[in-house]
Amino acid sequence: LGELPLPAQAKLLRVLQQGEIERLGGNQTRKIDVRIVAATNVDLTEAAQAGRFRQDLLYRLNVYPIEIPPLRERLDDIALLAKYFLEHYGRLHNKRIVGFEDAAMQALHNHPWPGNVRELGNAVERAVILALPGQLNIPMSSLFPAMAAPLVDRISASGQLQSAATRPRSASSEHNALAPAPSPSAQVLELLQQHGLS
């Protein structure tokens, strides 16, 4: 609603004032009886003062405003929403995960959430996708990969994602632990070559 062009705002205002519409391509005016529920993250009062939103439309829409604060101001909601998303995406991706590690929950509360609830949902879905079979709790590294240690994940010969944190280490990998890790693209190329797909 906040980005609606001014000509479209004028049309919406006319519909609200007169209770009439004309279908696209039609030539008959039809009476309507509707209630409008509109949502925006734009400050419409400021937009009206700046001339980007019609003031008369603002007054017409502003009958019963409900302001929902951003997620960063609703810290008590984070755990509830995270649990909801965990259950939802667990079912969607067929994984049974019961909760979050303490550090992960603390990181959820400390994050500023510029993307609001949508960003939280995306973070939890990513963590569910990255969860290994049998993993019961989501670690912080799955929610916020940039905050985790720089580990390199690999794709196994069977196509399974192997976490560097839990992958079995051979004697040679212990010996080369201090060597720089190959880039993920180099690992994928190596895997493709091993299977004759490159």
N, C-alpha and C. Protein backbone atom coordinates (compact mmCIF):
# COMPACT_ATOMS: atom_id res chain seq x y z
N LEU A 1 0.83 -1.20 0.00
CA LEU A 1 0.00 0.00 0.00
C LEU A 1 0.87 1.25 0.00
N GLY A 2 1.96 1.24 0.76
CA GLY A 2 2.80 2.43 0.87
C GLY A 2 3.50 2.81 -0.41
N GLU A 3 3.66 1.84 -1.35
CA GLU A 3 4.33 2.12 -2.62
C GLU A 3 3.34 2.28 -3.76
N LEU A 4 2.05 2.33 -3.47
CA LEU A 4 1.03 2.47 -4.51
C LEU A 4 1.21 3.80 -5.24
N PRO A 5 1.26 3.78 -6.58
CA PRO A 5 1.43 5.05 -7.32
C PRO A 5 0.26 6.00 -7.07
N LEU A 6 0.50 7.29 -7.19
CA LEU A 6 -0.53 8.29 -6.91
C LEU A 6 -1.79 8.11 -7.76
N PRO A 7 -1.69 7.78 -9.08
CA PRO A 7 -2.93 7.56 -9.84
C PRO A 7 -3.76 6.40 -9.30
N ALA A 8 -3.08 5.32 -8.86
CA ALA A 8 -3.80 4.19 -8.28
C ALA A 8 -4.41 4.57 -6.93
N GLN A 9 -3.73 5.43 -6.18
CA GLN A 9 -4.28 5.91 -4.91
C GLN A 9 -5.59 6.67 -5.15
N ALA A 10 -5.62 7.47 -6.22
CA ALA A 10 -6.83 8.24 -6.54
C ALA A 10 -7.99 7.30 -6.86
N LYS A 11 -7.70 6.22 -7.59
CA LYS A 11 -8.75 5.26 -7.93
C LYS A 11 -9.26 4.53 -6.69
N LEU A 12 -8.34 4.15 -5.81
CA LEU A 12 -8.74 3.48 -4.57
C LEU A 12 -9.58 4.40 -3.71
N LEU A 13 -9.18 5.68 -3.64
CA LEU A 13 -9.95 6.64 -2.85
C LEU A 13 -11.37 6.77 -3.39
N ARG A 14 -11.51 6.81 -4.73
CA ARG A 14 -12.84 6.92 -5.32
C ARG A 14 -13.69 5.70 -4.99
N VAL A 15 -13.08 4.52 -5.01
CA VAL A 15 -13.82 3.29 -4.66
C VAL A 15 -14.30 3.38 -3.22
N LEU A 16 -13.42 3.83 -2.31
CA LEU A 16 -13.79 3.89 -0.90
C LEU A 16 -14.86 4.95 -0.64
N GLN A 17 -14.78 6.07 -1.34
CA GLN A 17 -15.74 7.16 -1.12
C GLN A 17 -17.11 6.84 -1.72
N GLN A 18 -17.12 6.29 -2.93
CA GLN A 18 -18.37 6.10 -3.64
C GLN A 18 -18.91 4.68 -3.53
N GLY A 19 -18.06 3.73 -3.13
CA GLY A 19 -18.51 2.35 -3.03
C GLY A 19 -18.85 1.75 -4.38
N GLU A 20 -18.14 2.18 -5.42
CA GLU A 20 -18.40 1.71 -6.77
C GLU A 20 -17.10 1.35 -7.47
N ILE A 21 -17.20 0.34 -8.34
CA ILE A 21 -16.05 -0.03 -9.17
C ILE A 21 -16.51 -0.23 -10.60
N GLU A 22 -15.57 -0.16 -11.50
CA GLU A 22 -15.83 -0.50 -12.90
C GLU A 22 -14.78 -1.51 -13.30
N ARG A 23 -15.22 -2.69 -13.73
CA ARG A 23 -14.29 -3.75 -14.09
C ARG A 23 -13.43 -3.32 -15.27
N LEU A 24 -12.21 -3.85 -15.28
CA LEU A 24 -11.30 -3.56 -16.37
C LEU A 24 -11.91 -4.03 -17.69
N GLY A 25 -12.03 -3.12 -18.63
CA GLY A 25 -12.62 -3.44 -19.93
C GLY A 25 -14.14 -3.37 -19.93
N GLY A 26 -14.72 -3.14 -18.78
CA GLY A 26 -16.18 -3.07 -18.69
C GLY A 26 -16.67 -1.65 -18.86
N ASN A 27 -17.97 -1.50 -19.00
CA ASN A 27 -18.56 -0.16 -19.12
C ASN A 27 -19.71 0.04 -18.15
N GLN A 28 -19.83 -0.89 -17.19
CA GLN A 28 -20.88 -0.76 -16.18
C GLN A 28 -20.27 -0.51 -14.81
N THR A 29 -20.89 0.37 -14.07
CA THR A 29 -20.46 0.64 -12.70
C THR A 29 -21.19 -0.31 -11.78
N ARG A 30 -20.44 -0.90 -10.84
CA ARG A 30 -21.03 -1.86 -9.91
C ARG A 30 -20.87 -1.34 -8.50
N LYS A 31 -21.91 -1.50 -7.72
CA LYS A 31 -21.87 -1.14 -6.30
C LYS A 31 -21.19 -2.25 -5.52
N ILE A 32 -20.37 -1.89 -4.57
CA ILE A 32 -19.71 -2.88 -3.72
C ILE A 32 -19.88 -2.49 -2.26
N ASP A 33 -19.85 -3.50 -1.40
CA ASP A 33 -19.91 -3.27 0.04
C ASP A 33 -18.78 -4.09 0.65
N VAL A 34 -17.65 -3.46 0.88
CA VAL A 34 -16.46 -4.18 1.36
C VAL A 34 -15.85 -3.44 2.54
N ARG A 35 -15.04 -4.18 3.28
CA ARG A 35 -14.21 -3.59 4.32
C ARG A 35 -12.76 -3.79 3.89
N ILE A 36 -11.95 -2.80 4.08
CA ILE A 36 -10.55 -2.85 3.63
C ILE A 36 -9.64 -3.09 4.83
N VAL A 37 -8.78 -4.10 4.70
CA VAL A 37 -7.70 -4.31 5.66
C VAL A 37 -6.42 -4.10 4.88
N ALA A 38 -5.69 -3.05 5.21
CA ALA A 38 -4.48 -2.69 4.47
C ALA A 38 -3.28 -2.77 5.39
N ALA A 39 -2.14 -3.15 4.82
CA ALA A 39 -0.91 -3.26 5.61
C ALA A 39 0.25 -2.64 4.85
N THR A 40 1.16 -2.06 5.59
CA THR A 40 2.37 -1.49 5.00
C THR A 40 3.44 -1.34 6.07
N ASN A 41 4.69 -1.33 5.63
CA ASN A 41 5.77 -1.00 6.58
C ASN A 41 6.27 0.42 6.36
N VAL A 42 5.55 1.18 5.51
CA VAL A 42 5.88 2.58 5.24
C VAL A 42 5.14 3.45 6.27
N ASP A 43 5.81 4.48 6.76
CA ASP A 43 5.16 5.46 7.63
C ASP A 43 4.30 6.35 6.74
N LEU A 44 2.98 6.08 6.70
CA LEU A 44 2.10 6.78 5.78
C LEU A 44 1.93 8.25 6.12
N THR A 45 2.00 8.59 7.40
CA THR A 45 1.91 10.00 7.79
C THR A 45 3.09 10.78 7.21
N GLU A 46 4.28 10.21 7.34
CA GLU A 46 5.48 10.86 6.80
C GLU A 46 5.42 10.89 5.27
N ALA A 47 4.91 9.81 4.65
CA ALA A 47 4.79 9.77 3.19
C ALA A 47 3.79 10.80 2.70
N ALA A 48 2.70 11.00 3.44
CA ALA A 48 1.71 12.01 3.06
C ALA A 48 2.30 13.41 3.16
N GLN A 49 3.09 13.66 4.22
CA GLN A 49 3.74 14.97 4.37
C GLN A 49 4.76 15.22 3.26
N ALA A 50 5.38 14.15 2.77
CA ALA A 50 6.37 14.28 1.70
C ALA A 50 5.72 14.29 0.32
N GLY A 51 4.40 14.09 0.26
CA GLY A 51 3.70 14.13 -1.02
C GLY A 51 3.70 12.82 -1.78
N ARG A 52 4.14 11.74 -1.14
CA ARG A 52 4.18 10.44 -1.81
C ARG A 52 2.90 9.64 -1.58
N PHE A 53 2.06 10.09 -0.65
CA PHE A 53 0.81 9.40 -0.34
C PHE A 53 -0.28 10.43 -0.12
N ARG A 54 -1.44 10.16 -0.70
CA ARG A 54 -2.55 11.11 -0.59
C ARG A 54 -3.05 11.21 0.85
N GLN A 55 -3.15 12.44 1.35
CA GLN A 55 -3.58 12.64 2.72
C GLN A 55 -5.05 12.24 2.90
N ASP A 56 -5.88 12.54 1.90
CA ASP A 56 -7.30 12.18 2.01
C ASP A 56 -7.49 10.66 2.03
N LEU A 57 -6.63 9.92 1.29
CA LEU A 57 -6.70 8.45 1.32
C LEU A 57 -6.24 7.93 2.69
N LEU A 58 -5.21 8.57 3.24
CA LEU A 58 -4.73 8.19 4.57
C LEU A 58 -5.85 8.34 5.60
N TYR A 59 -6.57 9.46 5.56
CA TYR A 59 -7.66 9.67 6.51
C TYR A 59 -8.78 8.64 6.31
N ARG A 60 -9.02 8.29 5.05
CA ARG A 60 -10.09 7.34 4.75
C ARG A 60 -9.73 5.93 5.24
N LEU A 61 -8.45 5.56 5.12
CA LEU A 61 -8.01 4.23 5.54
C LEU A 61 -7.76 4.11 7.03
N ASN A 62 -7.43 5.23 7.66
CA ASN A 62 -6.94 5.23 9.04
C ASN A 62 -8.09 5.20 10.06
N VAL A 63 -9.03 4.28 9.87
CA VAL A 63 -10.18 4.19 10.76
C VAL A 63 -9.79 3.50 12.06
N TYR A 64 -9.14 2.37 11.95
CA TYR A 64 -8.73 1.61 13.14
C TYR A 64 -7.32 1.09 12.93
N PRO A 65 -6.33 1.92 13.20
CA PRO A 65 -4.93 1.49 12.96
C PRO A 65 -4.43 0.51 14.02
N ILE A 66 -3.70 -0.48 13.58
CA ILE A 66 -3.04 -1.43 14.48
C ILE A 66 -1.56 -1.39 14.14
N GLU A 67 -0.75 -0.96 15.07
CA GLU A 67 0.69 -0.88 14.82
C GLU A 67 1.37 -2.10 15.42
N ILE A 68 2.09 -2.83 14.59
CA ILE A 68 2.83 -4.00 15.04
C ILE A 68 4.30 -3.63 15.07
N PRO A 69 4.92 -3.62 16.24
CA PRO A 69 6.33 -3.23 16.32
C PRO A 69 7.22 -4.24 15.61
N PRO A 70 8.42 -3.82 15.18
CA PRO A 70 9.34 -4.77 14.53
C PRO A 70 9.77 -5.85 15.52
N LEU A 71 10.25 -6.96 14.97
CA LEU A 71 10.61 -8.12 15.79
C LEU A 71 11.66 -7.78 16.84
N ARG A 72 12.60 -6.89 16.51
CA ARG A 72 13.67 -6.54 17.46
C ARG A 72 13.10 -5.87 18.72
N GLU A 73 11.87 -5.38 18.65
CA GLU A 73 11.23 -4.77 19.82
C GLU A 73 10.28 -5.74 20.53
N ARG A 74 10.20 -6.98 20.02
CA ARG A 74 9.31 -7.99 20.61
C ARG A 74 10.12 -9.23 20.97
N LEU A 75 11.09 -9.07 21.84
CA LEU A 75 12.00 -10.16 22.16
C LEU A 75 11.28 -11.38 22.71
N ASP A 76 10.18 -11.18 23.41
CA ASP A 76 9.43 -12.31 23.97
C ASP A 76 8.82 -13.18 22.87
N ASP A 77 8.61 -12.61 21.69
CA ASP A 77 7.99 -13.37 20.59
C ASP A 77 8.99 -14.24 19.84
N ILE A 78 10.29 -13.95 19.98
CA ILE A 78 11.29 -14.64 19.16
C ILE A 78 11.28 -16.15 19.42
N ALA A 79 11.29 -16.55 20.69
CA ALA A 79 11.32 -17.98 21.01
C ALA A 79 10.06 -18.68 20.50
N LEU A 80 8.90 -18.05 20.65
CA LEU A 80 7.65 -18.64 20.18
C LEU A 80 7.64 -18.79 18.66
N LEU A 81 8.06 -17.74 17.96
CA LEU A 81 8.09 -17.80 16.50
C LEU A 81 9.13 -18.81 16.01
N ALA A 82 10.30 -18.84 16.66
CA ALA A 82 11.34 -19.79 16.26
C ALA A 82 10.85 -21.22 16.43
N LYS A 83 10.14 -21.49 17.53
CA LYS A 83 9.59 -22.83 17.76
C LYS A 83 8.54 -23.18 16.70
N TYR A 84 7.70 -22.21 16.38
CA TYR A 84 6.69 -22.44 15.33
C TYR A 84 7.37 -22.78 14.00
N PHE A 85 8.36 -21.97 13.61
CA PHE A 85 9.05 -22.21 12.34
C PHE A 85 9.80 -23.54 12.36
N LEU A 86 10.37 -23.90 13.51
CA LEU A 86 11.08 -25.17 13.62
C LEU A 86 10.13 -26.34 13.38
N GLU A 87 8.95 -26.31 13.98
CA GLU A 87 7.97 -27.37 13.77
C GLU A 87 7.47 -27.39 12.32
N HIS A 88 7.20 -26.20 11.79
CA HIS A 88 6.68 -26.09 10.43
C HIS A 88 7.68 -26.63 9.41
N TYR A 89 8.93 -26.15 9.47
CA TYR A 89 9.93 -26.57 8.49
C TYR A 89 10.44 -27.99 8.77
N GLY A 90 10.35 -28.43 10.03
CA GLY A 90 10.68 -29.81 10.33
C GLY A 90 9.73 -30.76 9.61
N ARG A 91 8.43 -30.45 9.65
CA ARG A 91 7.44 -31.26 8.92
C ARG A 91 7.66 -31.16 7.41
N LEU A 92 7.91 -29.94 6.94
CA LEU A 92 8.07 -29.72 5.50
C LEU A 92 9.25 -30.51 4.95
N HIS A 93 10.37 -30.53 5.70
CA HIS A 93 11.59 -31.20 5.23
C HIS A 93 11.76 -32.59 5.85
N ASN A 94 10.72 -33.07 6.53
CA ASN A 94 10.71 -34.42 7.10
C ASN A 94 11.89 -34.66 8.05
N LYS A 95 12.08 -33.72 8.98
CA LYS A 95 13.14 -33.85 9.98
C LYS A 95 12.53 -33.62 11.36
N ARG A 96 12.96 -34.44 12.31
CA ARG A 96 12.43 -34.33 13.68
C ARG A 96 13.49 -33.66 14.55
N ILE A 97 13.33 -32.37 14.76
CA ILE A 97 14.26 -31.59 15.57
C ILE A 97 13.46 -31.00 16.72
N VAL A 98 13.97 -31.12 17.94
CA VAL A 98 13.15 -30.75 19.10
C VAL A 98 13.37 -29.32 19.59
N GLY A 99 14.52 -28.72 19.28
CA GLY A 99 14.73 -27.38 19.79
C GLY A 99 16.03 -26.75 19.32
N PHE A 100 16.50 -25.77 20.09
CA PHE A 100 17.70 -25.01 19.76
C PHE A 100 18.71 -25.14 20.89
N GLU A 101 19.98 -25.19 20.54
CA GLU A 101 21.02 -25.13 21.56
C GLU A 101 20.93 -23.78 22.26
N ASP A 102 21.43 -23.70 23.51
CA ASP A 102 21.35 -22.46 24.27
C ASP A 102 22.01 -21.29 23.55
N ALA A 103 23.19 -21.54 22.95
CA ALA A 103 23.90 -20.48 22.23
C ALA A 103 23.10 -20.01 21.03
N ALA A 104 22.39 -20.93 20.38
CA ALA A 104 21.57 -20.57 19.22
C ALA A 104 20.41 -19.69 19.65
N MET A 105 19.75 -20.05 20.75
CA MET A 105 18.63 -19.23 21.23
C MET A 105 19.10 -17.85 21.66
N GLN A 106 20.28 -17.79 22.30
CA GLN A 106 20.83 -16.50 22.70
C GLN A 106 21.14 -15.64 21.47
N ALA A 107 21.67 -16.27 20.42
CA ALA A 107 21.97 -15.55 19.17
C ALA A 107 20.69 -15.04 18.52
N LEU A 108 19.62 -15.83 18.60
CA LEU A 108 18.34 -15.38 18.05
C LEU A 108 17.86 -14.12 18.76
N HIS A 109 18.03 -14.08 20.09
CA HIS A 109 17.59 -12.92 20.85
C HIS A 109 18.48 -11.70 20.62
N ASN A 110 19.75 -11.93 20.30
CA ASN A 110 20.68 -10.81 20.13
C ASN A 110 20.68 -10.23 18.72
N HIS A 111 20.16 -10.98 17.75
CA HIS A 111 20.18 -10.52 16.36
C HIS A 111 19.21 -9.35 16.17
N PRO A 112 19.56 -8.32 15.36
CA PRO A 112 18.68 -7.15 15.21
C PRO A 112 17.46 -7.38 14.30
N TRP A 113 17.42 -8.43 13.52
CA TRP A 113 16.31 -8.79 12.65
C TRP A 113 15.83 -7.66 11.75
N PRO A 114 16.71 -7.15 10.87
CA PRO A 114 16.24 -6.10 9.94
C PRO A 114 15.18 -6.61 8.98
N GLY A 115 15.17 -7.92 8.73
CA GLY A 115 14.16 -8.51 7.84
C GLY A 115 12.93 -9.00 8.57
N ASN A 116 12.84 -8.70 9.87
CA ASN A 116 11.67 -9.04 10.69
C ASN A 116 11.38 -10.55 10.69
N VAL A 117 10.10 -10.91 10.77
CA VAL A 117 9.69 -12.30 10.94
C VAL A 117 10.11 -13.15 9.73
N ARG A 118 10.08 -12.55 8.53
CA ARG A 118 10.48 -13.29 7.33
C ARG A 118 11.93 -13.75 7.44
N GLU A 119 12.80 -12.88 7.94
CA GLU A 119 14.21 -13.24 8.10
C GLU A 119 14.38 -14.36 9.13
N LEU A 120 13.62 -14.29 10.22
CA LEU A 120 13.68 -15.34 11.23
C LEU A 120 13.25 -16.68 10.63
N GLY A 121 12.16 -16.67 9.88
CA GLY A 121 11.69 -17.89 9.25
C GLY A 121 12.72 -18.48 8.30
N ASN A 122 13.38 -17.62 7.52
CA ASN A 122 14.41 -18.09 6.59
C ASN A 122 15.60 -18.69 7.34
N ALA A 123 16.00 -18.06 8.45
CA ALA A 123 17.13 -18.56 9.23
C ALA A 123 16.82 -19.94 9.80
N VAL A 124 15.62 -20.12 10.32
CA VAL A 124 15.24 -21.41 10.90
C VAL A 124 15.12 -22.47 9.80
N GLU A 125 14.55 -22.11 8.65
CA GLU A 125 14.45 -23.09 7.56
C GLU A 125 15.85 -23.53 7.11
N ARG A 126 16.78 -22.58 6.97
CA ARG A 126 18.15 -22.95 6.58
C ARG A 126 18.75 -23.92 7.59
N ALA A 127 18.53 -23.66 8.88
CA ALA A 127 19.08 -24.52 9.93
C ALA A 127 18.46 -25.92 9.86
N VAL A 128 17.18 -26.00 9.56
CA VAL A 128 16.52 -27.30 9.44
C VAL A 128 17.08 -28.06 8.24
N ILE A 129 17.28 -27.38 7.14
CA ILE A 129 17.83 -28.03 5.94
C ILE A 129 19.23 -28.56 6.23
N LEU A 130 20.04 -27.80 6.98
CA LEU A 130 21.41 -28.20 7.28
C LEU A 130 21.51 -29.25 8.38
N ALA A 131 20.41 -29.50 9.08
CA ALA A 131 20.45 -30.46 10.19
C ALA A 131 20.78 -31.86 9.68
N LEU A 132 21.68 -32.52 10.40
CA LEU A 132 22.09 -33.88 10.05
C LEU A 132 21.06 -34.88 10.56
N PRO A 133 20.97 -36.06 9.94
CA PRO A 133 20.03 -37.08 10.43
C PRO A 133 20.29 -37.38 11.91
N GLY A 134 19.24 -37.41 12.70
CA GLY A 134 19.35 -37.70 14.12
C GLY A 134 19.71 -36.50 14.98
N GLN A 135 19.97 -35.36 14.38
CA GLN A 135 20.31 -34.15 15.16
C GLN A 135 19.04 -33.64 15.84
N LEU A 136 19.13 -33.42 17.15
CA LEU A 136 17.94 -33.03 17.91
C LEU A 136 17.81 -31.53 18.11
N ASN A 137 18.94 -30.82 18.21
CA ASN A 137 18.90 -29.39 18.47
C ASN A 137 19.65 -28.61 17.40
N ILE A 138 19.14 -27.42 17.11
CA ILE A 138 19.75 -26.55 16.11
C ILE A 138 20.92 -25.80 16.74
N PRO A 139 22.13 -25.88 16.16
CA PRO A 139 23.25 -25.10 16.68
C PRO A 139 23.26 -23.69 16.10
N MET A 140 23.98 -22.80 16.76
CA MET A 140 24.08 -21.42 16.29
C MET A 140 24.68 -21.36 14.89
N SER A 141 25.66 -22.25 14.60
CA SER A 141 26.34 -22.21 13.31
C SER A 141 25.40 -22.45 12.14
N SER A 142 24.29 -23.15 12.36
CA SER A 142 23.32 -23.38 11.29
C SER A 142 22.41 -22.19 11.09
N LEU A 143 22.16 -21.44 12.16
CA LEU A 143 21.32 -20.25 12.05
C LEU A 143 22.08 -19.08 11.44
N PHE A 144 23.31 -18.89 11.91
CA PHE A 144 24.13 -17.75 11.49
C PHE A 144 25.51 -18.26 11.05
N PRO A 145 25.62 -18.76 9.83
CA PRO A 145 26.89 -19.34 9.38
C PRO A 145 28.06 -18.37 9.47
N ALA A 146 27.83 -17.08 9.30
CA ALA A 146 28.92 -16.10 9.36
C ALA A 146 29.52 -16.00 10.76
N MET A 147 28.74 -16.35 11.79
CA MET A 147 29.24 -16.27 13.17
C MET A 147 29.99 -17.54 13.58
N ALA A 148 29.86 -18.59 12.76
CA ALA A 148 30.46 -19.88 13.10
C ALA A 148 31.91 -19.92 12.66
N ALA A 149 32.62 -20.92 13.15
CA ALA A 149 34.00 -21.14 12.72
C ALA A 149 33.99 -21.48 11.24
N PRO A 150 35.03 -21.10 10.50
CA PRO A 150 35.05 -21.35 9.06
C PRO A 150 35.27 -22.82 8.74
N LEU A 151 34.20 -23.59 8.80
CA LEU A 151 34.27 -25.02 8.47
C LEU A 151 33.80 -25.22 7.03
N VAL A 152 34.33 -26.22 6.39
CA VAL A 152 33.94 -26.51 5.02
C VAL A 152 33.12 -27.79 5.01
N ASP A 153 31.92 -27.72 4.47
CA ASP A 153 31.08 -28.91 4.34
C ASP A 153 31.37 -29.58 3.01
N ARG A 154 31.09 -30.87 2.95
CA ARG A 154 31.31 -31.63 1.72
C ARG A 154 30.07 -32.41 1.35
N ILE A 155 30.01 -32.77 0.08
CA ILE A 155 28.95 -33.65 -0.39
C ILE A 155 29.55 -35.04 -0.53
N SER A 156 28.93 -36.02 0.13
CA SER A 156 29.45 -37.38 0.08
C SER A 156 29.17 -38.00 -1.29
N ALA A 157 29.77 -39.16 -1.53
CA ALA A 157 29.57 -39.86 -2.81
C ALA A 157 28.10 -40.20 -3.02
N SER A 158 27.36 -40.38 -1.92
CA SER A 158 25.94 -40.72 -2.04
C SER A 158 25.07 -39.48 -2.21
N GLY A 159 25.71 -38.29 -2.23
CA GLY A 159 24.96 -37.05 -2.41
C GLY A 159 24.52 -36.41 -1.13
N GLN A 160 24.92 -36.94 0.04
CA GLN A 160 24.55 -36.38 1.34
C GLN A 160 25.50 -35.26 1.73
N LEU A 161 24.96 -34.22 2.35
CA LEU A 161 25.78 -33.14 2.86
C LEU A 161 26.45 -33.60 4.14
N GLN A 162 27.79 -33.54 4.20
CA GLN A 162 28.53 -33.93 5.40
C GLN A 162 29.08 -32.67 6.05
N SER A 163 28.70 -32.44 7.30
CA SER A 163 29.20 -31.29 8.02
C SER A 163 30.65 -31.50 8.40
N ALA A 164 31.46 -30.46 8.25
CA ALA A 164 32.87 -30.57 8.60
C ALA A 164 33.04 -30.81 10.09
N ALA A 165 32.05 -30.37 10.88
CA ALA A 165 32.16 -30.53 12.33
C ALA A 165 31.99 -31.98 12.75
N THR A 166 31.24 -32.78 11.98
CA THR A 166 30.94 -34.15 12.39
C THR A 166 31.50 -35.19 11.44
N ARG A 167 32.12 -34.76 10.33
CA ARG A 167 32.64 -35.70 9.35
C ARG A 167 33.78 -36.50 9.94
N PRO A 168 33.83 -37.82 9.74
CA PRO A 168 34.95 -38.63 10.24
C PRO A 168 36.26 -38.13 9.64
N ARG A 169 37.30 -38.06 10.49
CA ARG A 169 38.59 -37.56 10.03
C ARG A 169 39.55 -38.72 9.90
N SER A 170 40.22 -38.77 8.78
CA SER A 170 41.23 -39.80 8.57
C SER A 170 42.55 -39.31 9.13
N ALA A 171 43.54 -40.24 9.19
CA ALA A 171 44.87 -39.86 9.69
C ALA A 171 45.47 -38.78 8.81
N SER A 172 45.25 -38.87 7.50
CA SER A 172 45.83 -37.86 6.61
C SER A 172 45.16 -36.51 6.80
N SER A 173 43.83 -36.53 7.11
CA SER A 173 43.17 -35.25 7.32
C SER A 173 43.61 -34.63 8.64
N GLU A 174 43.93 -35.47 9.65
CA GLU A 174 44.47 -34.94 10.90
C GLU A 174 45.83 -34.29 10.62
N HIS A 175 46.63 -34.95 9.77
CA HIS A 175 47.96 -34.43 9.45
C HIS A 175 47.86 -33.09 8.73
N ASN A 176 46.80 -32.97 7.87
CA ASN A 176 46.65 -31.75 7.07
C ASN A 176 45.68 -30.76 7.70
N ALA A 177 45.40 -30.90 9.00
CA ALA A 177 44.40 -30.05 9.64
C ALA A 177 44.78 -28.58 9.57
N LEU A 178 46.08 -28.28 9.56
CA LEU A 178 46.49 -26.89 9.54
C LEU A 178 46.63 -26.35 8.12
N ALA A 179 46.53 -27.22 7.12
CA ALA A 179 46.62 -26.77 5.73
C ALA A 179 45.35 -26.03 5.37
N PRO A 180 45.42 -25.05 4.45
CA PRO A 180 44.21 -24.32 4.06
C PRO A 180 43.19 -25.26 3.43
N ALA A 181 41.95 -25.08 3.81
CA ALA A 181 40.88 -25.94 3.29
C ALA A 181 40.58 -25.55 1.85
N PRO A 182 40.29 -26.56 1.00
CA PRO A 182 39.94 -26.23 -0.38
C PRO A 182 38.60 -25.51 -0.42
N SER A 183 38.40 -24.71 -1.45
CA SER A 183 37.14 -23.98 -1.57
C SER A 183 36.02 -24.96 -1.85
N PRO A 184 34.77 -24.60 -1.49
CA PRO A 184 33.64 -25.50 -1.75
C PRO A 184 33.52 -25.83 -3.24
N SER A 185 33.78 -24.85 -4.13
CA SER A 185 33.67 -25.14 -5.56
C SER A 185 34.72 -26.15 -5.99
N ALA A 186 35.93 -26.10 -5.41
CA ALA A 186 36.97 -27.07 -5.74
C ALA A 186 36.57 -28.46 -5.26
N GLN A 187 35.90 -28.52 -4.10
CA GLN A 187 35.45 -29.81 -3.58
C GLN A 187 34.38 -30.42 -4.48
N VAL A 188 33.46 -29.59 -4.96
CA VAL A 188 32.40 -30.09 -5.84
C VAL A 188 33.02 -30.58 -7.15
N LEU A 189 33.97 -29.81 -7.70
CA LEU A 189 34.65 -30.22 -8.93
C LEU A 189 35.37 -31.54 -8.74
N GLU A 190 36.06 -31.70 -7.60
CA GLU A 190 36.76 -32.95 -7.31
C GLU A 190 35.80 -34.12 -7.23
N LEU A 191 34.65 -33.90 -6.59
CA LEU A 191 33.65 -34.95 -6.46
C LEU A 191 33.09 -35.34 -7.83
N LEU A 192 32.83 -34.34 -8.68
CA LEU A 192 32.33 -34.62 -10.03
C LEU A 192 33.37 -35.43 -10.83
N GLN A 193 34.64 -35.08 -10.68
CA GLN A 193 35.70 -35.79 -11.40
C GLN A 193 35.79 -37.24 -10.93
N GLN A 194 35.64 -37.45 -9.62
CA GLN A 194 35.71 -38.80 -9.08
C GLN A 194 34.63 -39.70 -9.66
N HIS A 195 33.49 -39.13 -10.00
CA HIS A 195 32.37 -39.91 -10.53
C HIS A 195 32.26 -39.80 -12.05
N GLY A 196 33.29 -39.21 -12.68
CA GLY A 196 33.31 -39.12 -14.13
C GLY A 196 32.23 -38.23 -14.70
N LEU A 197 31.86 -37.19 -13.97
CA LEU A 197 30.79 -36.30 -14.41
C LEU A 197 31.29 -34.96 -14.91
N SER A 198 32.61 -34.72 -14.86
CA SER A 198 33.12 -33.43 -15.28
C SER A 198 33.54 -33.46 -16.74
